[in-house]
Amino acid sequence: MLDSIHYYPLINGDTDGIEKIPLFHTTDEDYIRSSHDYYLEEVVSKYYRICVGRGGDPDKTRAFTIRCPTCGQVMRKVSLGSNKNQLALYTCQNCNH
């Protein structure tokens, strides 16, 4: 478990908007949710849930390729979402073995 929840805003890593790259982390969810379409939520160390912020479309996230905040490798989806704002859970096979 982490001492606090970390949030990583996601930016486009390609011109199609499919590849998503996480930026710096913050503990201010309200800021991230109101400022970014998509972000990662890390509650358990090295497990990242993609979340929808302002203007994001949950249906578009199914096509995303998400890079690891630690090493930059493509992460693997390990479970589906629990609601329309907290979507699939990802982990990095490179960092989490």
Protein backbone atom coordinates (compact mmCIF):
# COMPACT_ATOMS: atom_id res chain seq x y z
CA MET A 1 0.00 0.00 0.00
CA LEU A 2 1.05 3.57 -0.58
CA ASP A 3 1.01 6.26 2.11
CA SER A 4 -1.22 8.32 -0.19
CA ILE A 5 -2.91 7.79 -3.54
CA HIS A 6 -0.87 8.95 -6.51
CA TYR A 7 -2.47 10.43 -9.63
CA TYR A 8 -0.67 10.68 -12.98
CA PRO A 9 -2.09 12.84 -15.77
CA LEU A 10 -1.93 11.14 -19.17
CA ILE A 11 -0.80 12.87 -22.35
CA ASN A 12 -0.82 11.67 -25.94
CA GLY A 13 2.31 9.90 -27.08
CA ASP A 14 1.21 9.70 -30.72
CA THR A 15 -0.80 11.76 -33.18
CA ASP A 16 -3.79 9.37 -33.02
CA GLY A 17 -4.19 9.79 -29.25
CA ILE A 18 -4.02 6.03 -28.65
CA GLU A 19 -0.67 5.81 -26.85
CA LYS A 20 -0.84 7.44 -23.43
CA ILE A 21 2.18 8.56 -21.43
CA PRO A 22 1.92 9.44 -17.72
CA LEU A 23 3.50 12.62 -16.39
CA PHE A 24 4.56 13.54 -12.84
CA HIS A 25 2.48 12.25 -9.96
CA THR A 26 0.44 14.30 -7.54
CA THR A 27 -1.84 13.54 -4.61
CA ASP A 28 -4.40 16.18 -5.64
CA GLU A 29 -7.16 14.24 -7.38
CA ASP A 30 -9.47 17.26 -7.70
CA TYR A 31 -6.83 19.12 -9.72
CA ILE A 32 -6.09 16.14 -11.98
CA ARG A 33 -9.78 15.31 -12.52
CA SER A 34 -10.66 18.90 -13.42
CA SER A 35 -7.60 19.51 -15.62
CA HIS A 36 -7.11 16.29 -17.61
CA ASP A 37 -9.29 14.03 -19.74
CA TYR A 38 -7.58 10.86 -18.52
CA TYR A 39 -5.31 9.99 -15.62
CA LEU A 40 -3.92 7.02 -13.72
CA GLU A 41 -4.73 6.32 -10.09
CA GLU A 42 -2.19 4.31 -8.07
CA VAL A 43 -3.67 3.03 -4.80
CA VAL A 44 -1.59 -0.15 -4.56
CA SER A 45 2.05 0.20 -5.53
CA LYS A 46 2.67 -0.60 -9.22
CA TYR A 47 -1.02 -1.08 -10.08
CA TYR A 48 -2.62 1.75 -12.04
CA ARG A 49 -6.31 2.32 -12.75
CA ILE A 50 -7.17 4.53 -15.71
CA CYS A 51 -9.74 7.15 -14.75
CA VAL A 52 -11.81 9.62 -16.74
CA GLY A 53 -11.54 13.29 -15.88
CA ARG A 54 -13.05 16.36 -17.54
CA GLY A 55 -14.17 15.71 -21.09
CA GLY A 56 -12.85 12.15 -21.26
CA ASP A 57 -14.78 9.38 -23.01
CA PRO A 58 -14.74 6.01 -21.19
CA ASP A 59 -15.37 4.12 -24.45
CA LYS A 60 -12.18 5.47 -26.04
CA THR A 61 -9.98 4.02 -23.28
CA ARG A 62 -10.47 0.47 -24.58
CA ALA A 63 -8.11 1.22 -27.48
CA PHE A 64 -5.42 2.93 -25.38
CA THR A 65 -1.88 1.69 -24.97
CA ILE A 66 -0.64 2.97 -21.62
CA ARG A 67 3.02 3.38 -20.69
CA CYS A 68 4.37 2.64 -17.21
CA PRO A 69 5.05 5.72 -15.05
CA THR A 70 8.27 4.11 -13.78
CA CYS A 71 10.00 2.51 -16.78
CA GLY A 72 7.99 3.61 -19.84
CA GLN A 73 7.17 0.10 -21.07
CA VAL A 74 3.65 -0.73 -22.27
CA MET A 75 1.54 -1.97 -19.37
CA ARG A 76 -0.79 -4.98 -19.35
CA LYS A 77 -4.49 -4.78 -18.47
CA VAL A 78 -5.27 -7.02 -15.49
CA SER A 79 -8.94 -6.24 -14.80
CA LEU A 80 -11.93 -4.30 -16.03
CA GLY A 81 -13.30 -1.15 -14.49
CA SER A 82 -15.74 -0.81 -11.66
CA ASN A 83 -17.75 2.16 -12.96
CA LYS A 84 -17.83 4.74 -15.77
CA ASN A 85 -15.05 6.88 -14.25
CA GLN A 86 -12.72 4.26 -12.78
CA LEU A 87 -11.87 1.93 -15.61
CA ALA A 88 -9.36 -0.86 -16.34
CA LEU A 89 -6.52 -1.73 -13.98
CA TYR A 90 -2.99 -2.03 -15.42
CA THR A 91 0.38 -3.25 -14.23
CA CYS A 92 3.85 -3.33 -15.75
CA GLN A 93 5.38 -6.76 -16.25
CA ASN A 94 8.82 -5.17 -16.35
CA CYS A 95 8.50 -3.46 -12.94
CA ASN A 96 6.18 -5.90 -11.18
CA HIS A 97 7.87 -9.28 -11.24
